[in-house]
PDB file of N, CA and C in Angstrom:
ATOM      1  N   UNK A   1     135.828 131.235  86.395  1.00  0.00           N
ATOM      2  CA  UNK A   1     134.710 130.568  87.036  1.00  0.00           C
ATOM      3  C   UNK A   1     134.741 130.885  88.528  1.00  0.00           C
ATOM      4  N   UNK A   2     133.588 131.191  89.066  1.00  0.00           N
ATOM      5  CA  UNK A   2     133.498 131.580  90.470  1.00  0.00           C
ATOM      6  C   UNK A   2     133.532 130.350  91.385  1.00  0.00           C
ATOM      7  N   UNK A   3     133.643 130.620  92.659  1.00  0.00           N
ATOM      8  CA  UNK A   3     133.667 129.536  93.646  1.00  0.00           C
ATOM      9  C   UNK A   3     132.334 128.787  93.644  1.00  0.00           C
ATOM     10  N   UNK A   4     131.229 129.518  93.537  1.00  0.00           N
ATOM     11  CA  UNK A   4     129.915 128.858  93.492  1.00  0.00           C
ATOM     12  C   UNK A   4     129.767 128.006  92.250  1.00  0.00           C
ATOM     13  N   UNK A   5     130.337 128.443  91.135  1.00  0.00           N
ATOM     14  CA  UNK A   5     130.297 127.653  89.917  1.00  0.00           C
ATOM     15  C   UNK A   5     131.069 126.350  90.071  1.00  0.00           C
ATOM     16  N   UNK A   6     132.211 126.413  90.733  1.00  0.00           N
ATOM     17  CA  UNK A   6     133.016 125.209  90.967  1.00  0.00           C
ATOM     18  C   UNK A   6     132.289 124.262  91.909  1.00  0.00           C
ATOM     19  N   UNK A   7     131.686 124.795  92.966  1.00  0.00           N
ATOM     20  CA  UNK A   7     130.925 123.951  93.902  1.00  0.00           C
ATOM     21  C   UNK A   7     129.745 123.303  93.185  1.00  0.00           C
ATOM     22  N   UNK A   8     129.061 124.060  92.335  1.00  0.00           N
ATOM     23  CA  UNK A   8     127.950 123.504  91.566  1.00  0.00           C
ATOM     24  C   UNK A   8     128.407 122.391  90.641  1.00  0.00           C
ATOM     25  N   UNK A   9     129.553 122.587  89.977  1.00  0.00           N
ATOM     26  CA  UNK A   9     130.081 121.540  89.087  1.00  0.00           C
ATOM     27  C   UNK A   9     130.480 120.288  89.863  1.00  0.00           C
ATOM     28  N   UNK A  10     131.079 120.476  91.027  1.00  0.00           N
ATOM     29  CA  UNK A  10     131.466 119.324  91.846  1.00  0.00           C
ATOM     30  C   UNK A  10     130.224 118.545  92.298  1.00  0.00           C
ATOM     31  N   UNK A  11     129.180 119.256  92.710  1.00  0.00           N
ATOM     32  CA  UNK A  11     127.944 118.585  93.124  1.00  0.00           C
ATOM     33  C   UNK A  11     127.274 117.875  91.953  1.00  0.00           C
ATOM     34  N   UNK A  12     127.281 118.489  90.775  1.00  0.00           N
ATOM     35  CA  UNK A  12     126.716 117.829  89.599  1.00  0.00           C
ATOM     36  C   UNK A  12     127.511 116.576  89.237  1.00  0.00           C
ATOM     37  N   UNK A  13     128.833 116.668  89.298  1.00  0.00           N
ATOM     38  CA  UNK A  13     129.666 115.502  89.008  1.00  0.00           C
ATOM     39  C   UNK A  13     129.431 114.398  90.031  1.00  0.00           C
ATOM     40  N   UNK A  14     129.340 114.758  91.310  1.00  0.00           N
ATOM     41  CA  UNK A  14     129.094 113.751  92.350  1.00  0.00           C
ATOM     42  C   UNK A  14     127.734 113.082  92.150  1.00  0.00           C
ATOM     43  N   UNK A  15     126.717 113.861  91.791  1.00  0.00           N
ATOM     44  CA  UNK A  15     125.396 113.294  91.535  1.00  0.00           C
ATOM     45  C   UNK A  15     125.391 112.358  90.343  1.00  0.00           C
ATOM     46  N   UNK A  16     126.076 112.752  89.274  1.00  0.00           N
ATOM     47  CA  UNK A  16     126.146 111.877  88.091  1.00  0.00           C
ATOM     48  C   UNK A  16     126.916 110.607  88.401  1.00  0.00           C
ATOM     49  N   UNK A  17     127.996 110.714  89.178  1.00  0.00           N
ATOM     50  CA  UNK A  17     128.764 109.531  89.561  1.00  0.00           C
ATOM     51  C   UNK A  17     127.928 108.586  90.426  1.00  0.00           C
ATOM     52  N   UNK A  18     127.173 109.133  91.368  1.00  0.00           N
ATOM     53  CA  UNK A  18     126.313 108.294  92.203  1.00  0.00           C
ATOM     54  C   UNK A  18     125.209 107.625  91.384  1.00  0.00           C
ATOM     55  N   UNK A  19     124.649 108.336  90.421  1.00  0.00           N
ATOM     56  CA  UNK A  19     123.622 107.738  89.573  1.00  0.00           C
ATOM     57  C   UNK A  19     124.207 106.598  88.737  1.00  0.00           C
ATOM     58  N   UNK A  20     125.422 106.789  88.245  1.00  0.00           N
ATOM     59  CA  UNK A  20     126.075 105.733  87.462  1.00  0.00           C
ATOM     60  C   UNK A  20     126.373 104.514  88.330  1.00  0.00           C
ATOM     61  N   UNK A  21     126.905 104.734  89.520  1.00  0.00           N
ATOM     62  CA  UNK A  21     127.194 103.599  90.398  1.00  0.00           C
ATOM     63  C   UNK A  21     125.909 102.906  90.855  1.00  0.00           C
ATOM     64  N   UNK A  22     124.847 103.647  91.003  1.00  0.00           N
ATOM     65  CA  UNK A  22     123.562 103.042  91.347  1.00  0.00           C
ATOM     66  C   UNK A  22     123.070 102.141  90.220  1.00  0.00           C
ATOM     67  N   UNK A  23     123.206 102.598  88.987  1.00  0.00           N
ATOM     68  CA  UNK A  23     122.791 101.782  87.845  1.00  0.00           C
ATOM     69  C   UNK A  23     123.628 100.518  87.740  1.00  0.00           C
ATOM     70  N   UNK A  24     124.920 100.645  87.975  1.00  0.00           N
ATOM     71  CA  UNK A  24     125.789  99.466  87.956  1.00  0.00           C
ATOM     72  C   UNK A  24     125.410  98.522  89.100  1.00  0.00           C
ATOM     73  N   UNK A  25     125.088  99.071  90.258  1.00  0.00           N
ATOM     74  CA  UNK A  25     124.669  98.250  91.394  1.00  0.00           C
ATOM     75  C   UNK A  25     123.392  97.488  91.112  1.00  0.00           C
ATOM     76  N   UNK A  26     122.455  98.104  90.427  1.00  0.00           N
ATOM     77  CA  UNK A  26     121.205  97.423  90.075  1.00  0.00           C
ATOM     78  C   UNK A  26     121.492  96.263  89.122  1.00  0.00           C
ATOM     79  N   UNK A  27     122.418  96.464  88.203  1.00  0.00           N
ATOM     80  CA  UNK A  27     122.737  95.401  87.243  1.00  0.00           C
ATOM     81  C   UNK A  27     123.531  94.259  87.873  1.00  0.00           C
ATOM     82  N   UNK A  28     124.339  94.568  88.869  1.00  0.00           N
ATOM     83  CA  UNK A  28     125.236  93.558  89.436  1.00  0.00           C
ATOM     84  C   UNK A  28     124.637  92.732  90.578  1.00  0.00           C
ATOM     85  N   UNK A  29     123.601  93.210  91.207  1.00  0.00           N
ATOM     86  CA  UNK A  29     123.055  92.512  92.362  1.00  0.00           C
ATOM     87  C   UNK A  29     122.291  91.246  91.948  1.00  0.00           C
ATOM     88  N   UNK A  30     122.296  90.226  92.815  1.00  0.00           N
ATOM     89  CA  UNK A  30     121.754  88.928  92.401  1.00  0.00           C
ATOM     90  C   UNK A  30     120.231  88.780  92.470  1.00  0.00           C
ATOM     91  N   UNK A  31     119.552  89.432  93.413  1.00  0.00           N
ATOM     92  CA  UNK A  31     118.110  89.228  93.502  1.00  0.00           C
ATOM     93  C   UNK A  31     117.375  90.549  93.717  1.00  0.00           C
ATOM     94  N   UNK A  32     116.074  90.460  93.823  1.00  0.00           N
ATOM     95  CA  UNK A  32     115.232  91.665  93.824  1.00  0.00           C
ATOM     96  C   UNK A  32     115.547  92.607  94.970  1.00  0.00           C
ATOM     97  N   UNK A  33     115.609  92.091  96.183  1.00  0.00           N
ATOM     98  CA  UNK A  33     115.774  92.963  97.343  1.00  0.00           C
ATOM     99  C   UNK A  33     117.139  93.647  97.352  1.00  0.00           C
ATOM    100  N   UNK A  34     118.166  92.978  96.883  1.00  0.00           N
ATOM    101  CA  UNK A  34     119.476  93.628  96.819  1.00  0.00           C
ATOM    102  C   UNK A  34     119.548  94.605  95.649  1.00  0.00           C
ATOM    103  N   UNK A  35     118.737  94.430  94.630  1.00  0.00           N
ATOM    104  CA  UNK A  35     118.695  95.386  93.522  1.00  0.00           C
ATOM    105  C   UNK A  35     117.965  96.668  93.912  1.00  0.00           C
ATOM    106  N   UNK A  36     116.969  96.534  94.759  1.00  0.00           N
ATOM    107  CA  UNK A  36     116.178  97.697  95.158  1.00  0.00           C
ATOM    108  C   UNK A  36     116.993  98.647  96.037  1.00  0.00           C
ATOM    109  N   UNK A  37     117.923  98.102  96.799  1.00  0.00           N
ATOM    110  CA  UNK A  37     118.699  98.931  97.720  1.00  0.00           C
ATOM    111  C   UNK A  37     119.488 100.030  97.003  1.00  0.00           C
ATOM    112  N   UNK A  38     120.336  99.720  96.004  1.00  0.00           N
ATOM    113  CA  UNK A  38     121.038 100.831  95.344  1.00  0.00           C
ATOM    114  C   UNK A  38     120.103 101.740  94.558  1.00  0.00           C
ATOM    115  N   UNK A  39     119.015 101.189  94.067  1.00  0.00           N
ATOM    116  CA  UNK A  39     118.068 102.013  93.313  1.00  0.00           C
ATOM    117  C   UNK A  39     117.417 103.043  94.222  1.00  0.00           C
ATOM    118  N   UNK A  40     117.110 102.668  95.435  1.00  0.00           N
ATOM    119  CA  UNK A  40     116.443 103.589  96.352  1.00  0.00           C
ATOM    120  C   UNK A  40     117.381 104.557  97.041  1.00  0.00           C
ATOM    121  N   UNK A  41     118.471 104.042  97.552  1.00  0.00           N
ATOM    122  CA  UNK A  41     119.368 104.888  98.351  1.00  0.00           C
ATOM    123  C   UNK A  41     120.218 105.817  97.485  1.00  0.00           C
ATOM    124  N   UNK A  42     120.955 105.238  96.562  1.00  0.00           N
ATOM    125  CA  UNK A  42     121.911 106.043  95.798  1.00  0.00           C
ATOM    126  C   UNK A  42     121.209 106.977  94.824  1.00  0.00           C
ATOM    127  N   UNK A  43     120.089 106.558  94.254  1.00  0.00           N
ATOM    128  CA  UNK A  43     119.391 107.444  93.326  1.00  0.00           C
ATOM    129  C   UNK A  43     118.823 108.666  94.032  1.00  0.00           C
ATOM    130  N   UNK A  44     118.313 108.491  95.221  1.00  0.00           N
ATOM    131  CA  UNK A  44     117.797 109.640  95.974  1.00  0.00           C
ATOM    132  C   UNK A  44     118.920 110.618  96.285  1.00  0.00           C
ATOM    133  N   UNK A  45     120.047 110.106  96.720  1.00  0.00           N
ATOM    134  CA  UNK A  45     121.178 110.980  97.025  1.00  0.00           C
ATOM    135  C   UNK A  45     121.734 111.618  95.754  1.00  0.00           C
ATOM    136  N   UNK A  46     121.780 110.866  94.654  1.00  0.00           N
ATOM    137  CA  UNK A  46     122.275 111.406  93.387  1.00  0.00           C
ATOM    138  C   UNK A  46     121.377 112.539  92.887  1.00  0.00           C
ATOM    139  N   UNK A  47     120.093 112.329  92.942  1.00  0.00           N
ATOM    140  CA  UNK A  47     119.167 113.381  92.506  1.00  0.00           C
ATOM    141  C   UNK A  47     119.269 114.604  93.403  1.00  0.00           C
ATOM    142  N   UNK A  48     119.489 114.390  94.688  1.00  0.00           N
ATOM    143  CA  UNK A  48     119.645 115.513  95.613  1.00  0.00           C
ATOM    144  C   UNK A  48     120.901 116.307  95.283  1.00  0.00           C
ATOM    145  N   UNK A  49     122.028 115.618  95.042  1.00  0.00           N
ATOM    146  CA  UNK A  49     123.261 116.307  94.671  1.00  0.00           C
ATOM    147  C   UNK A  49     123.093 117.093  93.376  1.00  0.00           C
ATOM    148  N   UNK A  50     122.432 116.488  92.386  1.00  0.00           N
ATOM    149  CA  UNK A  50     122.238 117.164  91.103  1.00  0.00           C
ATOM    150  C   UNK A  50     121.376 118.413  91.280  1.00  0.00           C
ATOM    151  N   UNK A  51     120.292 118.283  92.022  1.00  0.00           N
ATOM    152  CA  UNK A  51     119.412 119.438  92.211  1.00  0.00           C
ATOM    153  C   UNK A  51     120.068 120.538  93.043  1.00  0.00           C
ATOM    154  N   UNK A  52     120.858 120.179  94.038  1.00  0.00           N
ATOM    155  CA  UNK A  52     121.560 121.196  94.826  1.00  0.00           C
ATOM    156  C   UNK A  52     122.658 121.839  93.981  1.00  0.00           C
ATOM    157  N   UNK A  53     123.323 121.058  93.120  1.00  0.00           N
ATOM    158  CA  UNK A  53     124.298 121.635  92.202  1.00  0.00           C
ATOM    159  C   UNK A  53     123.656 122.619  91.250  1.00  0.00           C
ATOM    160  N   UNK A  54     122.461 122.293  90.764  1.00  0.00           N
ATOM    161  CA  UNK A  54     121.729 123.231  89.916  1.00  0.00           C
ATOM    162  C   UNK A  54     121.307 124.460  90.708  1.00  0.00           C
ATOM    163  N   UNK A  55     120.948 124.256  91.963  1.00  0.00           N
ATOM    164  CA  UNK A  55     120.550 125.376  92.814  1.00  0.00           C
ATOM    165  C   UNK A  55     121.709 126.338  93.045  1.00  0.00           C
ATOM    166  N   UNK A  56     122.889 125.789  93.276  1.00  0.00           N
ATOM    167  CA  UNK A  56     124.067 126.635  93.496  1.00  0.00           C
ATOM    168  C   UNK A  56     124.418 127.395  92.217  1.00  0.00           C
ATOM    169  N   UNK A  57     124.286 126.726  91.072  1.00  0.00           N
ATOM    170  CA  UNK A  57     124.638 127.367  89.818  1.00  0.00           C
ATOM    171  C   UNK A  57     123.518 128.165  89.181  1.00  0.00           C
ATOM    172  N   UNK A  58     122.339 128.197  89.801  1.00  0.00           N
ATOM    173  CA  UNK A  58     121.194 128.891  89.220  1.00  0.00           C
ATOM    174  C   UNK A  58     121.370 130.402  89.317  1.00  0.00           C
ATOM    175  N   UNK A  59     120.650 131.111  88.462  1.00  0.00           N
ATOM    176  CA  UNK A  59     120.674 132.562  88.530  1.00  0.00           C
ATOM    177  C   UNK A  59     119.997 133.029  89.825  1.00  0.00           C
ATOM    178  N   UNK A  60     120.251 134.232  90.222  1.00  0.00           N
ATOM    179  CA  UNK A  60     119.763 134.686  91.527  1.00  0.00           C
ATOM    180  C   UNK A  60     118.249 134.861  91.619  1.00  0.00           C
ATOM    181  N   UNK A  61     117.515 134.431  90.624  1.00  0.00           N
ATOM    182  CA  UNK A  61     116.062 134.518  90.663  1.00  0.00           C
ATOM    183  C   UNK A  61     115.535 133.639  91.799  1.00  0.00           C
ATOM    184  N   UNK A  62     114.692 134.174  92.640  1.00  0.00           N
ATOM    185  CA  UNK A  62     114.183 133.441  93.795  1.00  0.00           C
ATOM    186  C   UNK A  62     113.255 132.300  93.430  1.00  0.00           C
ATOM    187  N   UNK A  63     112.494 132.444  92.345  1.00  0.00           N
ATOM    188  CA  UNK A  63     111.541 131.403  91.967  1.00  0.00           C
ATOM    189  C   UNK A  63     112.245 130.125  91.525  1.00  0.00           C
ATOM    190  N   UNK A  64     113.365 130.255  90.855  1.00  0.00           N
ATOM    191  CA  UNK A  64     114.116 129.070  90.437  1.00  0.00           C
ATOM    192  C   UNK A  64     114.609 128.303  91.653  1.00  0.00           C
ATOM    193  N   UNK A  65     115.121 129.015  92.634  1.00  0.00           N
ATOM    194  CA  UNK A  65     115.613 128.374  93.854  1.00  0.00           C
ATOM    195  C   UNK A  65     114.479 127.692  94.609  1.00  0.00           C
ATOM    196  N   UNK A  66     113.340 128.354  94.693  1.00  0.00           N
ATOM    197  CA  UNK A  66     112.196 127.763  95.396  1.00  0.00           C
ATOM    198  C   UNK A  66     111.723 126.499  94.682  1.00  0.00           C
ATOM    199  N   UNK A  67     111.651 126.539  93.359  1.00  0.00           N
ATOM    200  CA  UNK A  67     111.211 125.365  92.605  1.00  0.00           C
ATOM    201  C   UNK A  67     112.185 124.204  92.768  1.00  0.00           C
ATOM    202  N   UNK A  68     113.492 124.477  92.701  1.00  0.00           N
ATOM    203  CA  UNK A  68     114.477 123.411  92.867  1.00  0.00           C
ATOM    204  C   UNK A  68     114.438 122.827  94.275  1.00  0.00           C
ATOM    205  N   UNK A  69     114.240 123.660  95.274  1.00  0.00           N
ATOM    206  CA  UNK A  69     114.128 123.155  96.645  1.00  0.00           C
ATOM    207  C   UNK A  69     112.861 122.322  96.833  1.00  0.00           C
ATOM    208  N   UNK A  70     111.768 122.746  96.207  1.00  0.00           N
ATOM    209  CA  UNK A  70     110.528 121.972  96.305  1.00  0.00           C
ATOM    210  C   UNK A  70     110.670 120.613  95.626  1.00  0.00           C
ATOM    211  N   UNK A  71     111.338 120.570  94.484  1.00  0.00           N
ATOM    212  CA  UNK A  71     111.571 119.298  93.799  1.00  0.00           C
ATOM    213  C   UNK A  71     112.455 118.393  94.649  1.00  0.00           C
ATOM    214  N   UNK A  72     113.486 118.974  95.285  1.00  0.00           N
ATOM    215  CA  UNK A  72     114.386 118.193  96.133  1.00  0.00           C
ATOM    216  C   UNK A  72     113.623 117.582  97.309  1.00  0.00           C
ATOM    217  N   UNK A  73     112.798 118.362  97.970  1.00  0.00           N
ATOM    218  CA  UNK A  73     112.017 117.854  99.101  1.00  0.00           C
ATOM    219  C   UNK A  73     111.030 116.791  98.630  1.00  0.00           C
ATOM    220  N   UNK A  74     110.405 117.012  97.499  1.00  0.00           N
ATOM    221  CA  UNK A  74     109.458 116.034  96.965  1.00  0.00           C
ATOM    222  C   UNK A  74     110.138 114.702  96.660  1.00  0.00           C
ATOM    223  N   UNK A  75     111.297 114.750  96.038  1.00  0.00           N
ATOM    224  CA  UNK A  75     112.028 113.511  95.733  1.00  0.00           C
ATOM    225  C   UNK A  75     112.476 112.839  97.027  1.00  0.00           C
ATOM    226  N   UNK A  76     112.942 113.637  97.984  1.00  0.00           N
ATOM    227  CA  UNK A  76     113.399 113.068  99.252  1.00  0.00           C
ATOM    228  C   UNK A  76     112.269 112.371 100.009  1.00  0.00           C
ATOM    229  N   UNK A  77     111.054 112.837  99.855  1.00  0.00           N
ATOM    230  CA  UNK A  77     109.916 112.216 100.535  1.00  0.00           C
ATOM    231  C   UNK A  77     109.322 111.047  99.763  1.00  0.00           C
ATOM    232  N   UNK A  78     109.235 111.159  98.450  1.00  0.00           N
ATOM    233  CA  UNK A  78     108.509 110.148  97.675  1.00  0.00           C
ATOM    234  C   UNK A  78     109.357 108.960  97.262  1.00  0.00           C
ATOM    235  N   UNK A  79     110.619 109.150  96.988  1.00  0.00           N
ATOM    236  CA  UNK A  79     111.437 108.042  96.497  1.00  0.00           C
ATOM    237  C   UNK A  79     111.595 106.918  97.531  1.00  0.00           C
ATOM    238  N   UNK A  80     112.002 107.201  98.768  1.00  0.00           N
ATOM    239  CA  UNK A  80     112.088 106.111  99.743  1.00  0.00           C
ATOM    240  C   UNK A  80     110.723 105.472 100.047  1.00  0.00           C
ATOM    241  N   UNK A  81     109.677 106.276 100.024  1.00  0.00           N
ATOM    242  CA  UNK A  81     108.343 105.735 100.269  1.00  0.00           C
ATOM    243  C   UNK A  81     107.922 104.791  99.147  1.00  0.00           C
ATOM    244  N   UNK A  82     108.203 105.161  97.919  1.00  0.00           N
ATOM    245  CA  UNK A  82     107.872 104.305  96.778  1.00  0.00           C
ATOM    246  C   UNK A  82     108.681 103.012  96.800  1.00  0.00           C
ATOM    247  N   UNK A  83     109.953 103.102  97.126  1.00  0.00           N
ATOM    248  CA  UNK A  83     110.791 101.895  97.206  1.00  0.00           C
ATOM    249  C   UNK A  83     110.285 100.973  98.308  1.00  0.00           C
ATOM    250  N   UNK A  84     109.887 101.546  99.433  1.00  0.00           N
ATOM    251  CA  UNK A  84     109.348 100.732 100.523  1.00  0.00           C
ATOM    252  C   UNK A  84     108.051 100.037 100.094  1.00  0.00           C
ATOM    253  N   UNK A  85     107.173 100.749  99.415  1.00  0.00           N
ATOM    254  CA  UNK A  85     105.919 100.159  98.956  1.00  0.00           C
ATOM    255  C   UNK A  85     106.166  99.046  97.936  1.00  0.00           C
ATOM    256  N   UNK A  86     107.116  99.239  97.053  1.00  0.00           N
ATOM    257  CA  UNK A  86     107.440  98.216  96.051  1.00  0.00           C
ATOM    258  C   UNK A  86     107.997  96.966  96.713  1.00  0.00           C
ATOM    259  N   UNK A  87     108.895  97.138  97.686  1.00  0.00           N
ATOM    260  CA  UNK A  87     109.465  95.957  98.347  1.00  0.00           C
ATOM    261  C   UNK A  87     108.424  95.240  99.208  1.00  0.00           C
ATOM    262  N   UNK A  88     107.534  95.992  99.846  1.00  0.00           N
ATOM    263  CA  UNK A  88     106.470  95.347 100.618  1.00  0.00           C
ATOM    264  C   UNK A  88     105.536  94.556  99.711  1.00  0.00           C
ATOM    265  N   UNK A  89     105.198  95.113  98.554  1.00  0.00           N
ATOM    266  CA  UNK A  89     104.326  94.403  97.613  1.00  0.00           C
ATOM    267  C   UNK A  89     105.013  93.145  97.103  1.00  0.00           C
ATOM    268  N   UNK A  90     106.303  93.228  96.821  1.00  0.00           N
ATOM    269  CA  UNK A  90     107.027  92.046  96.346  1.00  0.00           C
ATOM    270  C   UNK A  90     107.140  90.993  97.439  1.00  0.00           C
ATOM    271  N   UNK A  91     107.330  91.428  98.661  1.00  0.00           N
ATOM    272  CA  UNK A  91     107.423  90.479  99.777  1.00  0.00           C
ATOM    273  C   UNK A  91     106.099  89.756  99.995  1.00  0.00           C
ATOM    274  N   UNK A  92     105.006  90.500  99.959  1.00  0.00           N
ATOM    275  CA  UNK A  92     103.696  89.891 100.193  1.00  0.00           C
ATOM    276  C   UNK A  92     103.209  89.093  98.991  1.00  0.00           C
ATOM    277  N   UNK A  93     103.672  89.431  97.799  1.00  0.00           N
ATOM    278  CA  UNK A  93     103.295  88.697  96.596  1.00  0.00           C
ATOM    279  C   UNK A  93     104.087  87.405  96.470  1.00  0.00           C
ATOM    280  N   UNK A  94     105.212  87.320  97.160  1.00  0.00           N
ATOM    281  CA  UNK A  94     106.063  86.130  97.190  1.00  0.00           C
ATOM    282  C   UNK A  94     106.661  85.819  95.821  1.00  0.00           C
ATOM    283  N   UNK A  95     106.813  86.833  94.984  1.00  0.00           N
ATOM    284  CA  UNK A  95     107.419  86.641  93.669  1.00  0.00           C
ATOM    285  C   UNK A  95     108.931  86.546  93.760  1.00  0.00           C
ATOM    286  N   UNK A  96     109.502  87.059  94.808  1.00  0.00           N
ATOM    287  CA  UNK A  96     110.960  87.082  94.883  1.00  0.00           C
ATOM    288  C   UNK A  96     111.528  85.693  95.129  1.00  0.00           C
ATOM    289  N   UNK A  97     110.780  84.799  95.767  1.00  0.00           N
ATOM    290  CA  UNK A  97     111.271  83.446  95.978  1.00  0.00           C
ATOM    291  C   UNK A  97     111.451  82.713  94.655  1.00  0.00           C
ATOM    292  N   UNK A  98     110.539  82.933  93.732  1.00  0.00           N
ATOM    293  CA  UNK A  98     110.646  82.278  92.427  1.00  0.00           C
ATOM    294  C   UNK A  98     111.869  82.772  91.691  1.00  0.00           C
ATOM    295  N   UNK A  99     112.161  84.067  91.815  1.00  0.00           N
ATOM    296  CA  UNK A  99     113.325  84.621  91.137  1.00  0.00           C
ATOM    297  C   UNK A  99     114.613  84.102  91.758  1.00  0.00           C
ATOM    298  N   UNK A 100     114.656  84.034  93.076  1.00  0.00           N
ATOM    299  CA  UNK A 100     115.861  83.580  93.760  1.00  0.00           C
ATOM    300  C   UNK A 100     116.135  82.105  93.499  1.00  0.00           C
ATOM    301  N   UNK A 101     115.075  81.299  93.455  1.00  0.00           N
ATOM    302  CA  UNK A 101     115.234  79.867  93.238  1.00  0.00           C
ATOM    303  C   UNK A 101     115.417  79.508  91.765  1.00  0.00           C
ATOM    304  N   UNK A 102     115.304  80.485  90.896  1.00  0.00           N
ATOM    305  CA  UNK A 102     115.510  80.208  89.480  1.00  0.00           C
ATOM    306  C   UNK A 102     114.294  79.650  88.786  1.00  0.00           C
ATOM    307  N   UNK A 103     113.132  79.735  89.364  1.00  0.00           N
ATOM    308  CA  UNK A 103     111.933  79.157  88.787  1.00  0.00           C
ATOM    309  C   UNK A 103     111.039  80.179  88.299  1.00  0.00           C
TER     310      UNK A 103
END
């Protein structure tokens, strides 16, 4: 196995580990706003690691690299924006108070 193959495997493993810890964080957190934090931050980083690991391990075809880079940039731009919009909607809807108070 080449050095690039090992780097790709390490990045894929790191991305999968971050995705797993993010899922555990979502399950363990007590209320909505603390659940959104690991879902937004760690998932974006996990997806980035996975896509860069695939990019490193991809064949030398230029189109594959361009597509993976475009997907990475798209996820990096849309995921935090979507999480922000969801938390703003929940804050303005005032649904999180009912969840926190148990009602």
